Amino acid sequence: MSGAHRSPYHGFSVEFAQHRPYVAGDDIRHLDWKVYGRSDKLHLKQYQQETNLDLMVMVDCSGSMNYGSRSFESASGMGKTRSLDGRDYWSKYDHATAVGAALAYMALHQGDRTGVVVFADDVKAMLKRSSAMNSWRQIVGALSTQPVDKPTNLARVIDQTLGKLNNRCLIALVSDLFIDPEEFRSACARIRHKRHDLLVFQMIDQRERAFDMRDVAPFQGLEGEEKIKVDPRAIRAAYQEVFNKHLDTIGRITRSFNFDYQLVNTHDWLGPPMAAFLAKRNAQIKRRKFG
């Protein structure tokens, strides 16, 4: 978040900051002749330079994002018992769209250009970056109208998205990242190679992690996998070990590229994890700026 904040760099912009002594080789167009007339010394005018931020929010609408175990009524906070499409559960995609919309809203309020990509096996919707506040309605519309039923192909989507970005951006990736970690590592490498910054919000449902089901039942993947009859109690320990290892691997890969990572549980309210994440990122920016 930098659009409304001072840059650590000085340039020749709109708002005056200070004078500094002239050094051979400086552009004489910025000499302050009034100061020279009073002091007989050459000084340059220096100005504050504000930075602009381009934010691209990428939200995963693949089939696995349609899972949810939290009631829609408890999650929506608006007294609604069902979603517009008739679901009585709050899905990972619902939570992801809330995160994406919140990030876009904050960026637009700073006057920063913001765009959105909704993706699964390829880009399903893309809104070009704009700093107009009314573009937030278009962003919310794009997030709320996509079917959530396709497999994931992050490698293809990253290539499609990077091909549309002609300047450095902050990319916010909101996904459960149920993909091969090496595919994710390759995507991070391409983002780093293009000199973009990345925020990763990994969505999980509380029941996915706890795996606290008790009855033997058929389990079926949401991206075309076969149905399998499973006794949850018999495999819970092994399942949790594999699941937590995957989360740790995704977090470790993200941080290895000096990108930011935040695990988000759909059973938590949106405010606390977002506030904690932004506080952490602000502290990191201050450390980089002031050492």
C-alpha atoms as a PDB file:
ATOM      1  CA  MET A   1       0.000   0.000   0.000  1.00  0.00           C
ATOM      2  CA  SER A   2       1.980   2.989  -1.233  1.00  0.00           C
ATOM      3  CA  GLY A   3      -0.165   5.222  -3.406  1.00  0.00           C
ATOM      4  CA  ALA A   4      -1.019   7.760  -0.710  1.00  0.00           C
ATOM      5  CA  HIS A   5       2.317   7.540   1.074  1.00  0.00           C
ATOM      6  CA  ARG A   6       5.620   9.362   0.715  1.00  0.00           C
ATOM      7  CA  SER A   7       8.283   7.714  -1.341  1.00  0.00           C
ATOM      8  CA  PRO A   8      11.684   7.204   0.302  1.00  0.00           C
ATOM      9  CA  TYR A   9      13.143   8.765  -2.876  1.00  0.00           C
ATOM     10  CA  HIS A  10      13.375  12.429  -3.832  1.00  0.00           C
ATOM     11  CA  GLY A  11      12.680  13.673  -7.331  1.00  0.00           C
ATOM     12  CA  PHE A  12      11.509  16.700  -9.249  1.00  0.00           C
ATOM     13  CA  SER A  13       7.778  16.454  -8.785  1.00  0.00           C
ATOM     14  CA  VAL A  14       4.956  18.712  -7.584  1.00  0.00           C
ATOM     15  CA  GLU A  15       5.460  19.298  -3.846  1.00  0.00           C
ATOM     16  CA  PHE A  16       8.561  21.122  -2.577  1.00  0.00           C
ATOM     17  CA  ALA A  17      10.609  19.304   0.076  1.00  0.00           C
ATOM     18  CA  GLN A  18      13.989  20.993   0.638  1.00  0.00           C
ATOM     19  CA  HIS A  19      17.092  22.568  -0.869  1.00  0.00           C
ATOM     20  CA  ARG A  20      20.457  20.904  -1.345  1.00  0.00           C
ATOM     21  CA  PRO A  21      23.805  22.313  -2.534  1.00  0.00           C
ATOM     22  CA  TYR A  22      24.515  22.177  -6.250  1.00  0.00           C
ATOM     23  CA  VAL A  23      26.970  19.484  -7.349  1.00  0.00           C
ATOM     24  CA  ALA A  24      28.742  19.533 -10.700  1.00  0.00           C
ATOM     25  CA  GLY A  25      26.635  17.600 -13.192  1.00  0.00           C
ATOM     26  CA  ASP A  26      23.240  18.452 -11.644  1.00  0.00           C
ATOM     27  CA  ASP A  27      20.478  19.735 -13.915  1.00  0.00           C
ATOM     28  CA  ILE A  28      20.659  23.534 -13.757  1.00  0.00           C
ATOM     29  CA  ARG A  29      16.951  23.823 -14.583  1.00  0.00           C
ATOM     30  CA  HIS A  30      16.220  23.122 -10.897  1.00  0.00           C
ATOM     31  CA  LEU A  31      18.509  25.794  -9.478  1.00  0.00           C
ATOM     32  CA  ASP A  32      16.824  28.221  -7.077  1.00  0.00           C
ATOM     33  CA  TRP A  33      17.996  31.626  -8.298  1.00  0.00           C
ATOM     34  CA  LYS A  34      16.332  33.462  -5.401  1.00  0.00           C
ATOM     35  CA  VAL A  35      18.503  31.541  -2.933  1.00  0.00           C
ATOM     36  CA  TYR A  36      21.544  32.320  -5.126  1.00  0.00           C
ATOM     37  CA  GLY A  37      20.672  36.026  -5.073  1.00  0.00           C
ATOM     38  CA  ARG A  38      20.519  36.032  -1.257  1.00  0.00           C
ATOM     39  CA  SER A  39      23.486  33.785  -0.479  1.00  0.00           C
ATOM     40  CA  ASP A  40      25.631  33.805  -3.610  1.00  0.00           C
ATOM     41  CA  LYS A  41      25.553  29.983  -3.416  1.00  0.00           C
ATOM     42  CA  LEU A  42      23.992  27.516  -5.839  1.00  0.00           C
ATOM     43  CA  HIS A  43      21.231  25.313  -4.439  1.00  0.00           C
ATOM     44  CA  LEU A  44      18.786  22.907  -6.084  1.00  0.00           C
ATOM     45  CA  LYS A  45      15.119  22.562  -5.281  1.00  0.00           C
ATOM     46  CA  GLN A  46      14.175  19.036  -4.198  1.00  0.00           C
ATOM     47  CA  TYR A  47      10.611  17.757  -4.256  1.00  0.00           C
ATOM     48  CA  GLN A  48       8.760  14.879  -2.681  1.00  0.00           C
ATOM     49  CA  GLN A  49       7.817  12.154  -5.085  1.00  0.00           C
ATOM     50  CA  GLU A  50       4.754  10.030  -4.413  1.00  0.00           C
ATOM     51  CA  THR A  51       4.684   6.427  -5.576  1.00  0.00           C
ATOM     52  CA  ASN A  52       1.826   4.746  -7.384  1.00  0.00           C
ATOM     53  CA  LEU A  53       0.804   1.150  -6.928  1.00  0.00           C
ATOM     54  CA  ASP A  54      -0.729  -1.176  -9.478  1.00  0.00           C
ATOM     55  CA  LEU A  55      -2.595  -4.011  -7.770  1.00  0.00           C
ATOM     56  CA  MET A  56      -3.785  -7.103  -9.637  1.00  0.00           C
ATOM     57  CA  VAL A  57      -6.055  -9.335  -7.553  1.00  0.00           C
ATOM     58  CA  MET A  58      -6.143 -12.966  -8.739  1.00  0.00           C
ATOM     59  CA  VAL A  59      -8.980 -15.071  -7.287  1.00  0.00           C
ATOM     60  CA  ASP A  60      -9.231 -18.845  -7.790  1.00  0.00           C
ATOM     61  CA  CYS A  61     -12.666 -20.101  -8.905  1.00  0.00           C
ATOM     62  CA  SER A  62     -11.674 -23.755  -9.447  1.00  0.00           C
ATOM     63  CA  GLY A  63     -13.909 -26.562  -8.208  1.00  0.00           C
ATOM     64  CA  SER A  64     -12.097 -27.123  -4.905  1.00  0.00           C
ATOM     65  CA  MET A  65     -12.925 -23.547  -3.904  1.00  0.00           C
ATOM     66  CA  ASN A  66     -16.604 -24.525  -3.802  1.00  0.00           C
ATOM     67  CA  TYR A  67     -16.109 -26.497  -0.581  1.00  0.00           C
ATOM     68  CA  GLY A  68     -17.419 -25.109   2.687  1.00  0.00           C
ATOM     69  CA  SER A  69     -18.619 -26.313   6.094  1.00  0.00           C
ATOM     70  CA  ARG A  70     -19.582 -23.010   7.715  1.00  0.00           C
ATOM     71  CA  SER A  71     -23.217 -21.977   7.588  1.00  0.00           C
ATOM     72  CA  PHE A  72     -23.915 -19.108   5.235  1.00  0.00           C
ATOM     73  CA  GLU A  73     -26.016 -17.380   7.887  1.00  0.00           C
ATOM     74  CA  SER A  74     -23.164 -17.219  10.436  1.00  0.00           C
ATOM     75  CA  ALA A  75     -20.616 -16.088   7.838  1.00  0.00           C
ATOM     76  CA  SER A  76     -22.589 -13.486   5.891  1.00  0.00           C
ATOM     77  CA  GLY A  77     -23.415 -11.333   8.920  1.00  0.00           C
ATOM     78  CA  MET A  78     -26.528 -10.070   7.127  1.00  0.00           C
ATOM     79  CA  GLY A  79     -29.129 -12.518   8.439  1.00  0.00           C
ATOM     80  CA  LYS A  80     -29.244 -14.393   5.139  1.00  0.00           C
ATOM     81  CA  THR A  81     -29.583 -18.154   5.464  1.00  0.00           C
ATOM     82  CA  ARG A  82     -28.701 -18.967   1.856  1.00  0.00           C
ATOM     83  CA  SER A  83     -26.543 -17.631  -0.932  1.00  0.00           C
ATOM     84  CA  LEU A  84     -28.022 -16.209  -4.115  1.00  0.00           C
ATOM     85  CA  ASP A  85     -27.408 -19.539  -5.870  1.00  0.00           C
ATOM     86  CA  GLY A  86     -29.217 -21.504  -3.138  1.00  0.00           C
ATOM     87  CA  ARG A  87     -26.264 -22.767  -1.037  1.00  0.00           C
ATOM     88  CA  ASP A  88     -26.633 -22.899   2.746  1.00  0.00           C
ATOM     89  CA  TYR A  89     -22.849 -23.084   3.309  1.00  0.00           C
ATOM     90  CA  TRP A  90     -20.118 -20.421   3.081  1.00  0.00           C
ATOM     91  CA  SER A  91     -17.516 -21.644   0.607  1.00  0.00           C
ATOM     92  CA  LYS A  92     -13.817 -20.944   0.247  1.00  0.00           C
ATOM     93  CA  TYR A  93     -14.692 -18.999  -2.891  1.00  0.00           C
ATOM     94  CA  ASP A  94     -17.095 -16.790  -0.908  1.00  0.00           C
ATOM     95  CA  HIS A  95     -14.292 -16.000   1.521  1.00  0.00           C
ATOM     96  CA  ALA A  96     -11.776 -15.480  -1.294  1.00  0.00           C
ATOM     97  CA  THR A  97     -14.050 -12.971  -3.046  1.00  0.00           C
ATOM     98  CA  ALA A  98     -14.442 -11.089   0.253  1.00  0.00           C
ATOM     99  CA  VAL A  99     -10.640 -10.888   0.591  1.00  0.00           C
ATOM    100  CA  GLY A 100     -10.247  -9.800  -3.037  1.00  0.00           C
ATOM    101  CA  ALA A 101     -12.945  -7.166  -2.781  1.00  0.00           C
ATOM    102  CA  ALA A 102     -11.463  -5.783   0.449  1.00  0.00           C
ATOM    103  CA  LEU A 103      -7.985  -5.477  -1.070  1.00  0.00           C
ATOM    104  CA  ALA A 104      -9.388  -3.756  -4.158  1.00  0.00           C
ATOM    105  CA  TYR A 105     -11.441  -1.350  -2.029  1.00  0.00           C
ATOM    106  CA  MET A 106      -8.419  -0.293   0.039  1.00  0.00           C
ATOM    107  CA  ALA A 107      -6.221   0.189  -3.015  1.00  0.00           C
ATOM    108  CA  LEU A 108      -8.832   2.223  -4.885  1.00  0.00           C
ATOM    109  CA  HIS A 109      -9.354   4.464  -1.851  1.00  0.00           C
ATOM    110  CA  GLN A 110      -5.657   5.301  -2.076  1.00  0.00           C
ATOM    111  CA  GLY A 111      -6.027   6.243  -5.717  1.00  0.00           C
ATOM    112  CA  ASP A 112      -4.070   3.219  -6.915  1.00  0.00           C
ATOM    113  CA  ARG A 113      -4.881   1.352 -10.109  1.00  0.00           C
ATOM    114  CA  THR A 114      -6.539  -1.987  -9.403  1.00  0.00           C
ATOM    115  CA  GLY A 115      -7.563  -4.882 -11.630  1.00  0.00           C
ATOM    116  CA  VAL A 116      -8.870  -8.392 -11.096  1.00  0.00           C
ATOM    117  CA  VAL A 117      -8.373 -11.831 -12.601  1.00  0.00           C
ATOM    118  CA  VAL A 118     -10.748 -14.716 -11.884  1.00  0.00           C
ATOM    119  CA  PHE A 119      -9.228 -18.026 -12.908  1.00  0.00           C
ATOM    120  CA  ALA A 120      -9.424 -21.812 -12.861  1.00  0.00           C
ATOM    121  CA  ASP A 121      -7.910 -23.833 -15.733  1.00  0.00           C
ATOM    122  CA  ASP A 122      -7.456 -20.512 -17.542  1.00  0.00           C
ATOM    123  CA  VAL A 123      -8.456 -16.885 -17.077  1.00  0.00           C
ATOM    124  CA  LYS A 124     -12.248 -16.718 -16.788  1.00  0.00           C
ATOM    125  CA  ALA A 125     -12.558 -12.956 -16.316  1.00  0.00           C
ATOM    126  CA  MET A 126     -10.101 -10.067 -16.343  1.00  0.00           C
ATOM    127  CA  LEU A 127     -10.767  -6.416 -15.584  1.00  0.00           C
ATOM    128  CA  LYS A 128      -8.062  -4.003 -16.639  1.00  0.00           C
ATOM    129  CA  ARG A 129      -6.468  -1.859 -13.973  1.00  0.00           C
ATOM    130  CA  SER A 130      -8.187   1.406 -13.145  1.00  0.00           C
ATOM    131  CA  SER A 131      -8.020   3.937 -10.320  1.00  0.00           C
ATOM    132  CA  ALA A 132     -11.658   5.028 -10.749  1.00  0.00           C
ATOM    133  CA  MET A 133     -13.621   4.329  -7.557  1.00  0.00           C
ATOM    134  CA  ASN A 134     -16.654   3.148  -9.521  1.00  0.00           C
ATOM    135  CA  SER A 135     -14.570   0.261 -10.913  1.00  0.00           C
ATOM    136  CA  TRP A 136     -15.039  -1.450  -7.534  1.00  0.00           C
ATOM    137  CA  ARG A 137     -18.607  -2.332  -8.535  1.00  0.00           C
ATOM    138  CA  GLN A 138     -17.279  -3.970 -11.688  1.00  0.00           C
ATOM    139  CA  ILE A 139     -14.746  -5.914  -9.632  1.00  0.00           C
ATOM    140  CA  VAL A 140     -17.445  -7.167  -7.252  1.00  0.00           C
ATOM    141  CA  GLY A 141     -19.607  -8.081 -10.245  1.00  0.00           C
ATOM    142  CA  ALA A 142     -16.803 -10.084 -11.869  1.00  0.00           C
ATOM    143  CA  LEU A 143     -16.115 -11.937  -8.613  1.00  0.00           C
ATOM    144  CA  SER A 144     -19.767 -12.801  -7.994  1.00  0.00           C
ATOM    145  CA  THR A 145     -20.770 -14.173 -11.401  1.00  0.00           C
ATOM    146  CA  GLN A 146     -18.234 -16.935 -12.104  1.00  0.00           C
ATOM    147  CA  PRO A 147     -19.096 -20.672 -11.929  1.00  0.00           C
ATOM    148  CA  VAL A 148     -16.895 -22.552  -9.451  1.00  0.00           C
ATOM    149  CA  ASP A 149     -16.454 -25.958 -11.036  1.00  0.00           C
ATOM    150  CA  LYS A 150     -13.320 -26.250 -13.213  1.00  0.00           C
ATOM    151  CA  PRO A 151      -9.895 -27.813 -12.501  1.00  0.00           C
ATOM    152  CA  THR A 152      -6.874 -25.617 -11.694  1.00  0.00           C
ATOM    153  CA  ASN A 153      -4.022 -24.749 -14.039  1.00  0.00           C
ATOM    154  CA  LEU A 154      -1.997 -22.074 -12.250  1.00  0.00           C
ATOM    155  CA  ALA A 155       0.945 -22.262 -14.669  1.00  0.00           C
ATOM    156  CA  ARG A 156      -1.229 -21.350 -17.661  1.00  0.00           C
ATOM    157  CA  VAL A 157      -3.044 -18.613 -15.742  1.00  0.00           C
ATOM    158  CA  ILE A 158       0.170 -16.964 -14.540  1.00  0.00           C
ATOM    159  CA  ASP A 159       1.507 -16.901 -18.107  1.00  0.00           C
ATOM    160  CA  GLN A 160      -1.764 -15.414 -19.392  1.00  0.00           C
ATOM    161  CA  THR A 161      -1.791 -12.766 -16.659  1.00  0.00           C
ATOM    162  CA  LEU A 162       1.876 -11.773 -16.903  1.00  0.00           C
ATOM    163  CA  GLY A 163       1.429 -11.355 -20.645  1.00  0.00           C
ATOM    164  CA  LYS A 164      -1.046  -8.545 -19.931  1.00  0.00           C
ATOM    165  CA  LEU A 165       1.122  -6.682 -17.407  1.00  0.00           C
ATOM    166  CA  ASN A 166       3.501  -4.196 -18.998  1.00  0.00           C
ATOM    167  CA  ASN A 167       4.790  -2.656 -15.761  1.00  0.00           C
ATOM    168  CA  ARG A 168       5.700  -3.822 -12.283  1.00  0.00           C
ATOM    169  CA  CYS A 169       2.672  -4.730 -10.159  1.00  0.00           C
ATOM    170  CA  LEU A 170       1.691  -6.057  -6.786  1.00  0.00           C
ATOM    171  CA  ILE A 171      -0.144  -9.338  -7.395  1.00  0.00           C
ATOM    172  CA  ALA A 172      -2.490 -10.696  -4.720  1.00  0.00           C
ATOM    173  CA  LEU A 173      -3.094 -14.414  -5.266  1.00  0.00           C
ATOM    174  CA  VAL A 174      -6.153 -15.720  -3.381  1.00  0.00           C
ATOM    175  CA  SER A 175      -6.477 -19.497  -3.682  1.00  0.00           C
ATOM    176  CA  ASP A 176      -6.519 -22.759  -1.712  1.00  0.00           C
ATOM    177  CA  LEU A 177      -3.449 -23.763  -3.769  1.00  0.00           C
ATOM    178  CA  PHE A 178      -4.386 -27.433  -3.903  1.00  0.00           C
ATOM    179  CA  ILE A 179      -1.774 -27.956  -6.596  1.00  0.00           C
ATOM    180  CA  ASP A 180       1.642 -29.572  -6.953  1.00  0.00           C
ATOM    181  CA  PRO A 181       4.101 -27.430  -4.933  1.00  0.00           C
ATOM    182  CA  GLU A 182       6.553 -27.510  -7.848  1.00  0.00           C
ATOM    183  CA  GLU A 183       3.923 -25.913 -10.094  1.00  0.00           C
ATOM    184  CA  PHE A 184       3.516 -23.199  -7.486  1.00  0.00           C
ATOM    185  CA  ARG A 185       7.292 -22.753  -7.205  1.00  0.00           C
ATOM    186  CA  SER A 186       7.531 -22.320 -10.983  1.00  0.00           C
ATOM    187  CA  ALA A 187       4.749 -19.707 -10.918  1.00  0.00           C
ATOM    188  CA  CYS A 188       6.540 -17.758  -8.170  1.00  0.00           C
ATOM    189  CA  ALA A 189       9.792 -17.899 -10.166  1.00  0.00           C
ATOM    190  CA  ARG A 190       8.099 -16.406 -13.245  1.00  0.00           C
ATOM    191  CA  ILE A 191       6.546 -13.632 -11.136  1.00  0.00           C
ATOM    192  CA  ARG A 192       9.925 -12.866  -9.570  1.00  0.00           C
ATOM    193  CA  HIS A 193      11.636 -12.938 -12.976  1.00  0.00           C
ATOM    194  CA  LYS A 194       9.212 -10.257 -14.203  1.00  0.00           C
ATOM    195  CA  ARG A 195      10.050  -8.238 -11.058  1.00  0.00           C
ATOM    196  CA  HIS A 196       6.509  -8.201  -9.677  1.00  0.00           C
ATOM    197  CA  ASP A 197       5.696  -8.468  -5.970  1.00  0.00           C
ATOM    198  CA  LEU A 198       3.322 -11.160  -4.682  1.00  0.00           C
ATOM    199  CA  LEU A 199       0.931 -11.538  -1.764  1.00  0.00           C
ATOM    200  CA  VAL A 200      -0.373 -15.074  -1.209  1.00  0.00           C
ATOM    201  CA  PHE A 201      -3.607 -15.656   0.693  1.00  0.00           C
ATOM    202  CA  GLN A 202      -4.134 -19.405   1.035  1.00  0.00           C
ATOM    203  CA  MET A 203      -7.768 -20.275   1.749  1.00  0.00           C
ATOM    204  CA  ILE A 204      -8.642 -23.320   3.838  1.00  0.00           C
ATOM    205  CA  ASP A 205     -11.851 -24.511   5.447  1.00  0.00           C
ATOM    206  CA  GLN A 206     -11.575 -25.485   9.105  1.00  0.00           C
ATOM    207  CA  ARG A 207     -12.985 -28.950   8.449  1.00  0.00           C
ATOM    208  CA  GLU A 208     -10.410 -29.596   5.724  1.00  0.00           C
ATOM    209  CA  ARG A 209      -7.687 -29.256   8.316  1.00  0.00           C
ATOM    210  CA  ALA A 210      -9.421 -30.926  11.273  1.00  0.00           C
ATOM    211  CA  PHE A 211     -10.928 -33.744   9.162  1.00  0.00           C
ATOM    212  CA  ASP A 212     -13.281 -34.407  12.072  1.00  0.00           C
ATOM    213  CA  MET A 213     -15.852 -36.475  10.193  1.00  0.00           C
ATOM    214  CA  ARG A 214     -16.735 -39.775  11.892  1.00  0.00           C
ATOM    215  CA  ASP A 215     -18.945 -41.809   9.578  1.00  0.00           C
ATOM    216  CA  VAL A 216     -17.771 -44.014   6.738  1.00  0.00           C
ATOM    217  CA  ALA A 217     -18.912 -42.264   3.581  1.00  0.00           C
ATOM    218  CA  PRO A 218     -18.061 -41.777  -0.094  1.00  0.00           C
ATOM    219  CA  PHE A 219     -15.691 -38.867  -0.702  1.00  0.00           C
ATOM    220  CA  GLN A 220     -15.473 -37.244  -4.124  1.00  0.00           C
ATOM    221  CA  GLY A 221     -13.102 -34.550  -5.358  1.00  0.00           C
ATOM    222  CA  LEU A 222     -14.556 -31.322  -6.728  1.00  0.00           C
ATOM    223  CA  GLU A 223     -12.337 -31.194  -9.807  1.00  0.00           C
ATOM    224  CA  GLY A 224     -13.242 -34.461 -11.523  1.00  0.00           C
ATOM    225  CA  GLU A 225     -11.627 -36.999  -9.179  1.00  0.00           C
ATOM    226  CA  GLU A 226     -13.233 -40.395  -8.618  1.00  0.00           C
ATOM    227  CA  LYS A 227     -15.497 -41.195  -5.687  1.00  0.00           C
ATOM    228  CA  ILE A 228     -13.818 -43.214  -2.886  1.00  0.00           C
ATOM    229  CA  LYS A 229     -15.403 -44.771   0.196  1.00  0.00           C
ATOM    230  CA  VAL A 230     -13.407 -43.724   3.256  1.00  0.00           C
ATOM    231  CA  ASP A 231     -13.433 -44.229   7.033  1.00  0.00           C
ATOM    232  CA  PRO A 232     -12.253 -40.777   8.221  1.00  0.00           C
ATOM    233  CA  ARG A 233     -11.205 -42.048  11.653  1.00  0.00           C
ATOM    234  CA  ALA A 234      -8.855 -44.611  10.127  1.00  0.00           C
ATOM    235  CA  ILE A 235      -6.920 -42.110   8.002  1.00  0.00           C
ATOM    236  CA  ARG A 236      -7.273 -38.889  10.030  1.00  0.00           C
ATOM    237  CA  ALA A 237      -3.739 -38.822  11.452  1.00  0.00           C
ATOM    238  CA  ALA A 238      -2.082 -39.571   8.105  1.00  0.00           C
ATOM    239  CA  TYR A 239      -4.352 -37.110   6.304  1.00  0.00           C
ATOM    240  CA  GLN A 240      -3.567 -34.282   8.749  1.00  0.00           C
ATOM    241  CA  GLU A 241       0.154 -34.935   8.439  1.00  0.00           C
ATOM    242  CA  VAL A 242       0.019 -34.680   4.640  1.00  0.00           C
ATOM    243  CA  PHE A 243      -2.306 -31.654   4.707  1.00  0.00           C
ATOM    244  CA  ASN A 244      -0.178 -29.673   7.172  1.00  0.00           C
ATOM    245  CA  LYS A 245       2.985 -30.598   5.286  1.00  0.00           C
ATOM    246  CA  HIS A 246       1.434 -29.162   2.108  1.00  0.00           C
ATOM    247  CA  LEU A 247       0.550 -25.897   3.885  1.00  0.00           C
ATOM    248  CA  ASP A 248       4.071 -25.627   5.292  1.00  0.00           C
ATOM    249  CA  THR A 249       5.571 -26.271   1.853  1.00  0.00           C
ATOM    250  CA  ILE A 250       3.460 -23.575   0.165  1.00  0.00           C
ATOM    251  CA  GLY A 251       4.374 -21.076   2.878  1.00  0.00           C
ATOM    252  CA  ARG A 252       8.070 -21.945   2.675  1.00  0.00           C
ATOM    253  CA  ILE A 253       8.147 -21.622  -1.122  1.00  0.00           C
ATOM    254  CA  THR A 254       6.415 -18.235  -0.954  1.00  0.00           C
ATOM    255  CA  ARG A 255       8.847 -16.852   1.609  1.00  0.00           C
ATOM    256  CA  SER A 256      11.865 -18.252  -0.256  1.00  0.00           C
ATOM    257  CA  PHE A 257      11.130 -15.690  -3.003  1.00  0.00           C
ATOM    258  CA  ASN A 258      10.724 -12.912  -0.390  1.00  0.00           C
ATOM    259  CA  PHE A 259       6.988 -12.811  -1.086  1.00  0.00           C
ATOM    260  CA  ASP A 260       4.353 -12.501   1.648  1.00  0.00           C
ATOM    261  CA  TYR A 261       2.184 -15.405   2.788  1.00  0.00           C
ATOM    262  CA  GLN A 262      -0.996 -15.471   4.876  1.00  0.00           C
ATOM    263  CA  LEU A 263      -3.045 -18.564   5.746  1.00  0.00           C
ATOM    264  CA  VAL A 264      -6.762 -17.711   5.929  1.00  0.00           C
ATOM    265  CA  ASN A 265      -9.371 -19.916   7.631  1.00  0.00           C
ATOM    266  CA  THR A 266     -12.883 -19.431   6.249  1.00  0.00           C
ATOM    267  CA  HIS A 267     -14.337 -19.923   9.747  1.00  0.00           C
ATOM    268  CA  ASP A 268     -12.554 -16.779  10.970  1.00  0.00           C
ATOM    269  CA  TRP A 269     -13.922 -13.293  10.454  1.00  0.00           C
ATOM    270  CA  LEU A 270     -12.205 -11.393   7.679  1.00  0.00           C
ATOM    271  CA  GLY A 271     -11.079  -8.417   9.768  1.00  0.00           C
ATOM    272  CA  PRO A 272      -8.489  -9.896  12.187  1.00  0.00           C
ATOM    273  CA  PRO A 273      -6.386 -11.862   9.658  1.00  0.00           C
ATOM    274  CA  MET A 274      -6.433  -8.936   7.201  1.00  0.00           C
ATOM    275  CA  ALA A 275      -5.436  -6.471   9.930  1.00  0.00           C
ATOM    276  CA  ALA A 276      -2.656  -8.777  11.155  1.00  0.00           C
ATOM    277  CA  PHE A 277      -1.358  -9.240   7.628  1.00  0.00           C
ATOM    278  CA  LEU A 278      -1.359  -5.515   6.805  1.00  0.00           C
ATOM    279  CA  ALA A 279       0.348  -4.698  10.124  1.00  0.00           C
ATOM    280  CA  LYS A 280       3.073  -7.234   9.370  1.00  0.00           C
ATOM    281  CA  ARG A 281       3.589  -5.885   5.866  1.00  0.00           C
ATOM    282  CA  ASN A 282       3.691  -2.289   7.105  1.00  0.00           C
ATOM    283  CA  ALA A 283       6.370  -3.258   9.642  1.00  0.00           C
ATOM    284  CA  GLN A 284       8.410  -4.889   6.879  1.00  0.00           C
ATOM    285  CA  ILE A 285       8.164  -1.769   4.712  1.00  0.00           C
ATOM    286  CA  LYS A 286       9.349   0.418   7.613  1.00  0.00           C
ATOM    287  CA  ARG A 287      12.299  -1.891   8.246  1.00  0.00           C
ATOM    288  CA  ARG A 288      13.309  -1.705   4.572  1.00  0.00           C
ATOM    289  CA  LYS A 289      12.938   2.081   4.562  1.00  0.00           C
ATOM    290  CA  PHE A 290      14.652   2.952   7.836  1.00  0.00           C
ATOM    291  CA  GLY A 291      16.870  -0.099   8.346  1.00  0.00           C
END
